[in-house]
C-alpha cells in the first residue's frame, strides 16, 4: 500500500506522514504527480536487502553449470571444514586462489 501526500502536507508535518506510512512508501505529489518517494529507514534497508538478494541470485544463475574448481584448504585455515566455522572472503582475494 502506498500513501500519497502533497509537498505542502510534507512541509507541515513530515514526522506525522512517516508515522502514518509505517513501512509503506509515501508518494510525494507535485501538481498531483509523484515527484519523489519517501521511505522509512527500515523500509529502505529492507529494499536494499532485497536488491542485494536479487543481484546475488542473478550471479548464482549465471554461474550455474560453469566449470568448478576443487580446492583443498589446510587444517586450521579459517575456511577449512575442520576449523568449526566458515568465513567466505571476497572471491578475488589471493587466499581463495591458492
PDB file of N, CA and C in Angstrom:
ATOM      1  N   UNK A   1       0.837  -1.184   0.000  1.00  0.00           N
ATOM      2  CA  UNK A   1       0.000   0.000   0.000  1.00  0.00           C
ATOM      3  C   UNK A   1       0.878   1.242   0.000  1.00  0.00           C
ATOM      4  N   UNK A   2       0.477   2.234  -0.735  1.00  0.00           N
ATOM      5  CA  UNK A   2       1.229   3.470  -0.848  1.00  0.00           C
ATOM      6  C   UNK A   2       0.366   4.628  -0.397  1.00  0.00           C
ATOM      7  N   UNK A   3       0.957   5.563   0.310  1.00  0.00           N
ATOM      8  CA  UNK A   3       0.259   6.796   0.678  1.00  0.00           C
ATOM      9  C   UNK A   3       0.663   7.893  -0.299  1.00  0.00           C
ATOM     10  N   UNK A   4      -0.266   8.752  -0.630  1.00  0.00           N
ATOM     11  CA  UNK A   4       0.020   9.913  -1.467  1.00  0.00           C
ATOM     12  C   UNK A   4      -0.139  11.165  -0.615  1.00  0.00           C
ATOM     13  N   UNK A   5       0.852  12.013  -0.641  1.00  0.00           N
ATOM     14  CA  UNK A   5       0.796  13.289   0.088  1.00  0.00           C
ATOM     15  C   UNK A   5       1.401  14.372  -0.790  1.00  0.00           C
ATOM     16  N   UNK A   6       0.868  15.581  -0.691  1.00  0.00           N
ATOM     17  CA  UNK A   6       1.443  16.672  -1.485  1.00  0.00           C
ATOM     18  C   UNK A   6       2.591  17.334  -0.725  1.00  0.00           C
ATOM     19  N   UNK A   7       3.340  18.148  -1.439  1.00  0.00           N
ATOM     20  CA  UNK A   7       4.503  18.808  -0.833  1.00  0.00           C
ATOM     21  C   UNK A   7       4.130  19.682   0.354  1.00  0.00           C
ATOM     22  N   UNK A   8       2.988  20.341   0.289  1.00  0.00           N
ATOM     23  CA  UNK A   8       2.550  21.197   1.388  1.00  0.00           C
ATOM     24  C   UNK A   8       2.344  20.376   2.659  1.00  0.00           C
ATOM     25  N   UNK A   9       1.682  19.216   2.526  1.00  0.00           N
ATOM     26  CA  UNK A   9       1.486  18.342   3.683  1.00  0.00           C
ATOM     27  C   UNK A   9       2.823  17.886   4.255  1.00  0.00           C
ATOM     28  N   UNK A  10       3.749  17.568   3.366  1.00  0.00           N
ATOM     29  CA  UNK A  10       5.068  17.107   3.812  1.00  0.00           C
ATOM     30  C   UNK A  10       5.797  18.204   4.589  1.00  0.00           C
ATOM     31  N   UNK A  11       5.707  19.438   4.100  1.00  0.00           N
ATOM     32  CA  UNK A  11       6.358  20.551   4.805  1.00  0.00           C
ATOM     33  C   UNK A  11       5.740  20.784   6.183  1.00  0.00           C
ATOM     34  N   UNK A  12       4.426  20.641   6.276  1.00  0.00           N
ATOM     35  CA  UNK A  12       3.726  20.911   7.529  1.00  0.00           C
ATOM     36  C   UNK A  12       3.957  19.846   8.600  1.00  0.00           C
ATOM     37  N   UNK A  13       4.017  18.582   8.180  1.00  0.00           N
ATOM     38  CA  UNK A  13       4.052  17.512   9.178  1.00  0.00           C
ATOM     39  C   UNK A  13       4.831  16.288   8.671  1.00  0.00           C
ATOM     40  N   UNK A  14       6.130  16.424   8.450  1.00  0.00           N
ATOM     41  CA  UNK A  14       6.894  15.295   7.907  1.00  0.00           C
ATOM     42  C   UNK A  14       6.911  14.076   8.829  1.00  0.00           C
ATOM     43  N   UNK A  15       7.057  14.285  10.119  1.00  0.00           N
ATOM     44  CA  UNK A  15       7.122  13.134  11.032  1.00  0.00           C
ATOM     45  C   UNK A  15       5.771  12.432  11.128  1.00  0.00           C
ATOM     46  N   UNK A  16       4.676  13.193  11.072  1.00  0.00           N
ATOM     47  CA  UNK A  16       3.353  12.592  11.105  1.00  0.00           C
ATOM     48  C   UNK A  16       3.085  11.735   9.870  1.00  0.00           C
ATOM     49  N   UNK A  17       3.562  12.197   8.718  1.00  0.00           N
ATOM     50  CA  UNK A  17       3.393  11.432   7.482  1.00  0.00           C
ATOM     51  C   UNK A  17       4.177  10.130   7.559  1.00  0.00           C
ATOM     52  N   UNK A  18       5.415  10.206   8.052  1.00  0.00           N
ATOM     53  CA  UNK A  18       6.208   8.975   8.206  1.00  0.00           C
ATOM     54  C   UNK A  18       5.560   8.022   9.188  1.00  0.00           C
ATOM     55  N   UNK A  19       5.009   8.555  10.261  1.00  0.00           N
ATOM     56  CA  UNK A  19       4.338   7.707  11.250  1.00  0.00           C
ATOM     57  C   UNK A  19       3.109   7.032  10.641  1.00  0.00           C
ATOM     58  N   UNK A  20       2.324   7.792   9.885  1.00  0.00           N
ATOM     59  CA  UNK A  20       1.138   7.226   9.231  1.00  0.00           C
ATOM     60  C   UNK A  20       1.529   6.139   8.224  1.00  0.00           C
ATOM     61  N   UNK A  21       2.626   6.333   7.538  1.00  0.00           N
ATOM     62  CA  UNK A  21       3.048   5.408   6.485  1.00  0.00           C
ATOM     63  C   UNK A  21       3.598   4.104   7.039  1.00  0.00           C
ATOM     64  N   UNK A  22       4.223   4.158   8.210  1.00  0.00           N
ATOM     65  CA  UNK A  22       4.879   2.956   8.734  1.00  0.00           C
ATOM     66  C   UNK A  22       5.979   2.527   7.793  1.00  0.00           C
ATOM     67  N   UNK A  23       5.899   1.305   7.276  1.00  0.00           N
ATOM     68  CA  UNK A  23       6.911   0.824   6.342  1.00  0.00           C
ATOM     69  C   UNK A  23       6.451   0.914   4.888  1.00  0.00           C
ATOM     70  N   UNK A  24       5.340   1.583   4.645  1.00  0.00           N
ATOM     71  CA  UNK A  24       4.854   1.766   3.280  1.00  0.00           C
ATOM     72  C   UNK A  24       5.494   3.009   2.673  1.00  0.00           C
ATOM     73  N   UNK A  25       5.667   3.019   1.358  1.00  0.00           N
ATOM     74  CA  UNK A  25       6.221   4.214   0.714  1.00  0.00           C
ATOM     75  C   UNK A  25       5.195   5.345   0.688  1.00  0.00           C
ATOM     76  N   UNK A  26       5.704   6.555   0.642  1.00  0.00           N
ATOM     77  CA  UNK A  26       4.862   7.738   0.512  1.00  0.00           C
ATOM     78  C   UNK A  26       5.216   8.403  -0.813  1.00  0.00           C
ATOM     79  N   UNK A  27       4.241   8.550  -1.680  1.00  0.00           N
ATOM     80  CA  UNK A  27       4.448   9.289  -2.924  1.00  0.00           C
ATOM     81  C   UNK A  27       4.253  10.772  -2.606  1.00  0.00           C
ATOM     82  N   UNK A  28       5.278  11.561  -2.840  1.00  0.00           N
ATOM     83  CA  UNK A  28       5.203  12.999  -2.619  1.00  0.00           C
ATOM     84  C   UNK A  28       4.771  13.616  -3.942  1.00  0.00           C
ATOM     85  N   UNK A  29       3.595  14.218  -3.926  1.00  0.00           N
ATOM     86  CA  UNK A  29       2.998  14.723  -5.159  1.00  0.00           C
ATOM     87  C   UNK A  29       3.294  16.203  -5.369  1.00  0.00           C
ATOM     88  N   UNK A  30       3.563  16.526  -6.616  1.00  0.00           N
ATOM     89  CA  UNK A  30       3.706  17.908  -7.030  1.00  0.00           C
ATOM     90  C   UNK A  30       2.775  18.080  -8.226  1.00  0.00           C
ATOM     91  N   UNK A  31       1.768  18.912  -8.090  1.00  0.00           N
ATOM     92  CA  UNK A  31       0.725  19.071  -9.121  1.00  0.00           C
ATOM     93  C   UNK A  31       0.074  17.723  -9.433  1.00  0.00           C
ATOM     94  N   UNK A  32      -0.213  16.969  -8.374  1.00  0.00           N
ATOM     95  CA  UNK A  32      -0.898  15.666  -8.449  1.00  0.00           C
ATOM     96  C   UNK A  32      -0.132  14.581  -9.196  1.00  0.00           C
ATOM     97  N   UNK A  33       1.171  14.766  -9.356  1.00  0.00           N
ATOM     98  CA  UNK A  33       2.016  13.740  -9.970  1.00  0.00           C
ATOM     99  C   UNK A  33       3.150  13.402  -9.003  1.00  0.00           C
ATOM    100  N   UNK A  34       3.522  12.116  -8.889  1.00  0.00           N
ATOM    101  CA  UNK A  34       4.627  11.761  -7.990  1.00  0.00           C
ATOM    102  C   UNK A  34       5.930  12.464  -8.395  1.00  0.00           C
ATOM    103  N   UNK A  35       6.474  13.212  -7.457  1.00  0.00           N
ATOM    104  CA  UNK A  35       7.748  13.903  -7.675  1.00  0.00           C
ATOM    105  C   UNK A  35       8.880  13.155  -6.978  1.00  0.00           C
ATOM    106  N   UNK A  36       8.541  12.414  -5.922  1.00  0.00           N
ATOM    107  CA  UNK A  36       9.541  11.668  -5.154  1.00  0.00           C
ATOM    108  C   UNK A  36       8.816  10.641  -4.300  1.00  0.00           C
ATOM    109  N   UNK A  37       9.584   9.708  -3.782  1.00  0.00           N
ATOM    110  CA  UNK A  37       9.035   8.718  -2.859  1.00  0.00           C
ATOM    111  C   UNK A  37       9.814   8.788  -1.560  1.00  0.00           C
ATOM    112  N   UNK A  38       9.121   8.696  -0.471  1.00  0.00           N
ATOM    113  CA  UNK A  38       9.687   8.781   0.858  1.00  0.00           C
ATOM    114  C   UNK A  38       9.519   7.426   1.536  1.00  0.00           C
ATOM    115  N   UNK A  39      10.620   6.907   2.096  1.00  0.00           N
ATOM    116  CA  UNK A  39      10.602   5.615   2.789  1.00  0.00           C
ATOM    117  C   UNK A  39      11.171   5.775   4.181  1.00  0.00           C
ATOM    118  N   UNK A  40      10.656   4.978   5.110  1.00  0.00           N
ATOM    119  CA  UNK A  40      11.279   4.928   6.433  1.00  0.00           C
ATOM    120  C   UNK A  40      12.648   4.271   6.278  1.00  0.00           C
ATOM    121  N   UNK A  41      13.513   4.475   7.244  1.00  0.00           N
ATOM    122  CA  UNK A  41      14.841   3.858   7.206  1.00  0.00           C
ATOM    123  C   UNK A  41      14.711   2.335   7.151  1.00  0.00           C
ATOM    124  N   UNK A  42      13.792   1.803   7.916  1.00  0.00           N
ATOM    125  CA  UNK A  42      13.588   0.348   7.938  1.00  0.00           C
ATOM    126  C   UNK A  42      13.149  -0.192   6.574  1.00  0.00           C
ATOM    127  N   UNK A  43      12.209   0.506   5.921  1.00  0.00           N
ATOM    128  CA  UNK A  43      11.734   0.086   4.603  1.00  0.00           C
ATOM    129  C   UNK A  43      12.845   0.215   3.562  1.00  0.00           C
ATOM    130  N   UNK A  44      13.636   1.278   3.654  1.00  0.00           N
ATOM    131  CA  UNK A  44      14.741   1.481   2.725  1.00  0.00           C
ATOM    132  C   UNK A  44      15.784   0.368   2.867  1.00  0.00           C
ATOM    133  N   UNK A  45      16.139   0.032   4.102  1.00  0.00           N
ATOM    134  CA  UNK A  45      17.115  -1.037   4.338  1.00  0.00           C
ATOM    135  C   UNK A  45      16.584  -2.385   3.866  1.00  0.00           C
ATOM    136  N   UNK A  46      15.296  -2.641   4.054  1.00  0.00           N
ATOM    137  CA  UNK A  46      14.693  -3.884   3.564  1.00  0.00           C
ATOM    138  C   UNK A  46      14.735  -3.933   2.043  1.00  0.00           C
ATOM    139  N   UNK A  47      14.506  -2.799   1.408  1.00  0.00           N
ATOM    140  CA  UNK A  47      14.578  -2.719  -0.050  1.00  0.00           C
ATOM    141  C   UNK A  47      16.002  -3.006  -0.535  1.00  0.00           C
ATOM    142  N   UNK A  48      16.998  -2.447   0.147  1.00  0.00           N
ATOM    143  CA  UNK A  48      18.395  -2.719  -0.213  1.00  0.00           C
ATOM    144  C   UNK A  48      18.729  -4.196  -0.040  1.00  0.00           C
ATOM    145  N   UNK A  49      18.231  -4.824   1.030  1.00  0.00           N
ATOM    146  CA  UNK A  49      18.453  -6.255   1.241  1.00  0.00           C
ATOM    147  C   UNK A  49      17.853  -7.076   0.104  1.00  0.00           C
ATOM    148  N   UNK A  50      16.652  -6.723  -0.325  1.00  0.00           N
ATOM    149  CA  UNK A  50      16.007  -7.447  -1.434  1.00  0.00           C
ATOM    150  C   UNK A  50      16.784  -7.263  -2.729  1.00  0.00           C
ATOM    151  N   UNK A  51      17.282  -6.059  -2.954  1.00  0.00           N
ATOM    152  CA  UNK A  51      18.071  -5.789  -4.153  1.00  0.00           C
ATOM    153  C   UNK A  51      19.359  -6.603  -4.140  1.00  0.00           C
ATOM    154  N   UNK A  52      20.011  -6.667  -2.993  1.00  0.00           N
ATOM    155  CA  UNK A  52      21.230  -7.461  -2.874  1.00  0.00           C
ATOM    156  C   UNK A  52      20.932  -8.942  -3.116  1.00  0.00           C
ATOM    157  N   UNK A  53      19.843  -9.447  -2.543  1.00  0.00           N
ATOM    158  CA  UNK A  53      19.453 -10.842  -2.776  1.00  0.00           C
ATOM    159  C   UNK A  53      19.212 -11.100  -4.261  1.00  0.00           C
ATOM    160  N   UNK A  54      18.546 -10.163  -4.924  1.00  0.00           N
ATOM    161  CA  UNK A  54      18.281 -10.295  -6.349  1.00  0.00           C
ATOM    162  C   UNK A  54      19.586 -10.355  -7.141  1.00  0.00           C
ATOM    163  N   UNK A  55      20.527  -9.461  -6.813  1.00  0.00           N
ATOM    164  CA  UNK A  55      21.808  -9.433  -7.523  1.00  0.00           C
ATOM    165  C   UNK A  55      22.604 -10.711  -7.282  1.00  0.00           C
ATOM    166  N   UNK A  56      22.588 -11.221  -6.051  1.00  0.00           N
ATOM    167  CA  UNK A  56      23.303 -12.470  -5.763  1.00  0.00           C
ATOM    168  C   UNK A  56      22.647 -13.650  -6.478  1.00  0.00           C
ATOM    169  N   UNK A  57      21.330 -13.664  -6.542  1.00  0.00           N
ATOM    170  CA  UNK A  57      20.622 -14.722  -7.264  1.00  0.00           C
ATOM    171  C   UNK A  57      20.997 -14.695  -8.740  1.00  0.00           C
ATOM    172  N   UNK A  58      21.103 -13.517  -9.295  1.00  0.00           N
ATOM    173  CA  UNK A  58      21.499 -13.369 -10.697  1.00  0.00           C
ATOM    174  C   UNK A  58      22.900 -13.946 -10.923  1.00  0.00           C
ATOM    175  N   UNK A  59      23.830 -13.663 -10.019  1.00  0.00           N
ATOM    176  CA  UNK A  59      25.194 -14.188 -10.136  1.00  0.00           C
ATOM    177  C   UNK A  59      25.185 -15.708 -10.052  1.00  0.00           C
ATOM    178  N   UNK A  60      24.427 -16.263  -9.108  1.00  0.00           N
ATOM    179  CA  UNK A  60      24.346 -17.720  -8.960  1.00  0.00           C
ATOM    180  C   UNK A  60      23.803 -18.346 -10.237  1.00  0.00           C
ATOM    181  N   UNK A  61      22.747 -17.777 -10.798  1.00  0.00           N
ATOM    182  CA  UNK A  61      22.158 -18.326 -12.027  1.00  0.00           C
ATOM    183  C   UNK A  61      23.133 -18.244 -13.200  1.00  0.00           C
ATOM    184  N   UNK A  62      23.896 -17.146 -13.271  1.00  0.00           N
ATOM    185  CA  UNK A  62      24.884 -17.003 -14.342  1.00  0.00           C
ATOM    186  C   UNK A  62      25.992 -18.045 -14.221  1.00  0.00           C
ATOM    187  N   UNK A  63      26.331 -18.419 -13.002  1.00  0.00           N
ATOM    188  CA  UNK A  63      27.439 -19.350 -12.777  1.00  0.00           C
ATOM    189  C   UNK A  63      27.006 -20.815 -12.759  1.00  0.00           C
ATOM    190  N   UNK A  64      25.712 -21.078 -12.723  1.00  0.00           N
ATOM    191  CA  UNK A  64      25.243 -22.464 -12.717  1.00  0.00           C
ATOM    192  C   UNK A  64      25.700 -23.154 -14.000  1.00  0.00           C
ATOM    193  N   UNK A  65      26.248 -24.353 -13.829  1.00  0.00           N
ATOM    194  CA  UNK A  65      26.695 -25.126 -14.979  1.00  0.00           C
ATOM    195  C   UNK A  65      28.071 -24.755 -15.470  1.00  0.00           C
ATOM    196  N   UNK A  66      28.691 -23.737 -14.883  1.00  0.00           N
ATOM    197  CA  UNK A  66      30.039 -23.367 -15.317  1.00  0.00           C
ATOM    198  C   UNK A  66      31.059 -24.302 -14.665  1.00  0.00           C
ATOM    199  N   UNK A  67      32.269 -24.238 -15.139  1.00  0.00           N
ATOM    200  CA  UNK A  67      33.339 -25.103 -14.642  1.00  0.00           C
ATOM    201  C   UNK A  67      33.560 -24.859 -13.149  1.00  0.00           C
ATOM    202  N   UNK A  68      33.758 -25.936 -12.418  1.00  0.00           N
ATOM    203  CA  UNK A  68      34.056 -25.822 -10.993  1.00  0.00           C
ATOM    204  C   UNK A  68      35.515 -26.164 -10.750  1.00  0.00           C
ATOM    205  N   UNK A  69      36.041 -25.692  -9.656  1.00  0.00           N
ATOM    206  CA  UNK A  69      37.427 -25.939  -9.289  1.00  0.00           C
ATOM    207  C   UNK A  69      37.442 -26.512  -7.882  1.00  0.00           C
ATOM    208  N   UNK A  70      38.076 -27.656  -7.699  1.00  0.00           N
ATOM    209  CA  UNK A  70      38.187 -28.259  -6.370  1.00  0.00           C
ATOM    210  C   UNK A  70      39.355 -27.603  -5.639  1.00  0.00           C
ATOM    211  N   UNK A  71      39.105 -27.188  -4.426  1.00  0.00           N
ATOM    212  CA  UNK A  71      40.114 -26.519  -3.612  1.00  0.00           C
ATOM    213  C   UNK A  71      40.212 -27.249  -2.289  1.00  0.00           C
ATOM    214  N   UNK A  72      41.428 -27.574  -1.875  1.00  0.00           N
ATOM    215  CA  UNK A  72      41.654 -28.194  -0.575  1.00  0.00           C
ATOM    216  C   UNK A  72      42.388 -27.186   0.296  1.00  0.00           C
ATOM    217  N   UNK A  73      41.807 -26.892   1.442  1.00  0.00           N
ATOM    218  CA  UNK A  73      42.404 -25.929   2.361  1.00  0.00           C
ATOM    219  C   UNK A  73      43.104 -26.676   3.489  1.00  0.00           C
ATOM    220  N   UNK A  74      44.244 -26.161   3.941  1.00  0.00           N
ATOM    221  CA  UNK A  74      44.946 -26.822   5.045  1.00  0.00           C
ATOM    222  C   UNK A  74      44.149 -26.720   6.342  1.00  0.00           C
ATOM    223  N   UNK A  75      44.330 -27.704   7.226  1.00  0.00           N
ATOM    224  CA  UNK A  75      43.699 -27.641   8.546  1.00  0.00           C
ATOM    225  C   UNK A  75      44.106 -26.345   9.234  1.00  0.00           C
ATOM    226  N   UNK A  76      43.190 -25.751   9.917  1.00  0.00           N
ATOM    227  CA  UNK A  76      43.468 -24.511  10.626  1.00  0.00           C
ATOM    228  C   UNK A  76      43.156 -23.270   9.812  1.00  0.00           C
ATOM    229  N   UNK A  77      43.006 -23.413   8.508  1.00  0.00           N
ATOM    230  CA  UNK A  77      42.627 -22.269   7.674  1.00  0.00           C
ATOM    231  C   UNK A  77      41.212 -21.853   8.077  1.00  0.00           C
ATOM    232  N   UNK A  78      40.918 -20.555   8.120  1.00  0.00           N
ATOM    233  CA  UNK A  78      39.586 -20.113   8.568  1.00  0.00           C
ATOM    234  C   UNK A  78      38.423 -20.734   7.794  1.00  0.00           C
ATOM    235  N   UNK A  79      38.636 -21.145   6.561  1.00  0.00           N
ATOM    236  CA  UNK A  79      37.557 -21.738   5.766  1.00  0.00           C
ATOM    237  C   UNK A  79      37.632 -23.255   5.711  1.00  0.00           C
ATOM    238  N   UNK A  80      38.569 -23.826   6.418  1.00  0.00           N
ATOM    239  CA  UNK A  80      38.710 -25.282   6.424  1.00  0.00           C
ATOM    240  C   UNK A  80      37.537 -25.912   7.176  1.00  0.00           C
ATOM    241  N   UNK A  81      36.969 -27.020   6.651  1.00  0.00           N
ATOM    242  CA  UNK A  81      35.860 -27.676   7.357  1.00  0.00           C
ATOM    243  C   UNK A  81      36.244 -28.132   8.758  1.00  0.00           C
ATOM    244  N   UNK A  82      37.505 -28.342   9.022  1.00  0.00           N
ATOM    245  CA  UNK A  82      37.932 -28.781  10.353  1.00  0.00           C
ATOM    246  C   UNK A  82      38.048 -27.623  11.333  1.00  0.00           C
ATOM    247  N   UNK A  83      37.900 -26.400  10.845  1.00  0.00           N
ATOM    248  CA  UNK A  83      38.055 -25.221  11.698  1.00  0.00           C
ATOM    249  C   UNK A  83      36.840 -25.005  12.603  1.00  0.00           C
ATOM    250  N   UNK A  84      35.667 -25.476  12.194  1.00  0.00           N
ATOM    251  CA  UNK A  84      34.486 -25.329  13.032  1.00  0.00           C
ATOM    252  C   UNK A  84      33.589 -24.179  12.651  1.00  0.00           C
ATOM    253  N   UNK A  85      34.091 -23.229  11.908  1.00  0.00           N
ATOM    254  CA  UNK A  85      33.248 -22.153  11.398  1.00  0.00           C
ATOM    255  C   UNK A  85      33.788 -21.730  10.042  1.00  0.00           C
ATOM    256  N   UNK A  86      32.924 -21.232   9.221  1.00  0.00           N
ATOM    257  CA  UNK A  86      33.324 -20.839   7.873  1.00  0.00           C
ATOM    258  C   UNK A  86      33.232 -19.333   7.719  1.00  0.00           C
ATOM    259  N   UNK A  87      34.212 -18.784   7.051  1.00  0.00           N
ATOM    260  CA  UNK A  87      34.195 -17.382   6.647  1.00  0.00           C
ATOM    261  C   UNK A  87      34.417 -17.399   5.143  1.00  0.00           C
ATOM    262  N   UNK A  88      33.714 -16.564   4.447  1.00  0.00           N
ATOM    263  CA  UNK A  88      33.841 -16.545   2.998  1.00  0.00           C
ATOM    264  C   UNK A  88      34.370 -15.195   2.550  1.00  0.00           C
ATOM    265  N   UNK A  89      35.686 -15.101   2.324  1.00  0.00           N
ATOM    266  CA  UNK A  89      36.250 -13.836   1.862  1.00  0.00           C
ATOM    267  C   UNK A  89      35.864 -13.569   0.413  1.00  0.00           C
ATOM    268  N   UNK A  90      36.137 -12.382  -0.029  1.00  0.00           N
ATOM    269  CA  UNK A  90      35.837 -11.996  -1.396  1.00  0.00           C
ATOM    270  C   UNK A  90      36.551 -12.937  -2.350  1.00  0.00           C
ATOM    271  N   UNK A  91      35.872 -13.451  -3.402  1.00  0.00           N
ATOM    272  CA  UNK A  91      36.469 -14.462  -4.278  1.00  0.00           C
ATOM    273  C   UNK A  91      37.683 -13.999  -5.065  1.00  0.00           C
ATOM    274  N   UNK A  92      37.922 -12.694  -5.172  1.00  0.00           N
ATOM    275  CA  UNK A  92      39.075 -12.218  -5.916  1.00  0.00           C
ATOM    276  C   UNK A  92      40.325 -12.086  -5.049  1.00  0.00           C
ATOM    277  N   UNK A  93      40.196 -12.294  -3.760  1.00  0.00           N
ATOM    278  CA  UNK A  93      41.369 -12.192  -2.877  1.00  0.00           C
ATOM    279  C   UNK A  93      42.252 -13.411  -3.037  1.00  0.00           C
ATOM    280  N   UNK A  94      43.541 -13.236  -2.821  1.00  0.00           N
ATOM    281  CA  UNK A  94      44.516 -14.288  -3.069  1.00  0.00           C
ATOM    282  C   UNK A  94      44.287 -15.544  -2.235  1.00  0.00           C
ATOM    283  N   UNK A  95      43.723 -15.430  -1.029  1.00  0.00           N
ATOM    284  CA  UNK A  95      43.528 -16.613  -0.183  1.00  0.00           C
ATOM    285  C   UNK A  95      42.526 -17.595  -0.768  1.00  0.00           C
ATOM    286  N   UNK A  96      41.713 -17.145  -1.721  1.00  0.00           N
ATOM    287  CA  UNK A  96      40.750 -18.045  -2.339  1.00  0.00           C
ATOM    288  C   UNK A  96      41.350 -18.732  -3.580  1.00  0.00           C
ATOM    289  N   UNK A  97      42.467 -18.238  -4.092  1.00  0.00           N
ATOM    290  CA  UNK A  97      43.018 -18.776  -5.317  1.00  0.00           C
ATOM    291  C   UNK A  97      44.053 -19.856  -5.058  1.00  0.00           C
ATOM    292  N   UNK A  98      44.554 -19.929  -3.851  1.00  0.00           N
ATOM    293  CA  UNK A  98      45.647 -20.841  -3.582  1.00  0.00           C
ATOM    294  C   UNK A  98      45.230 -22.050  -2.892  1.00  0.00           C
TER     295      UNK A  98
END
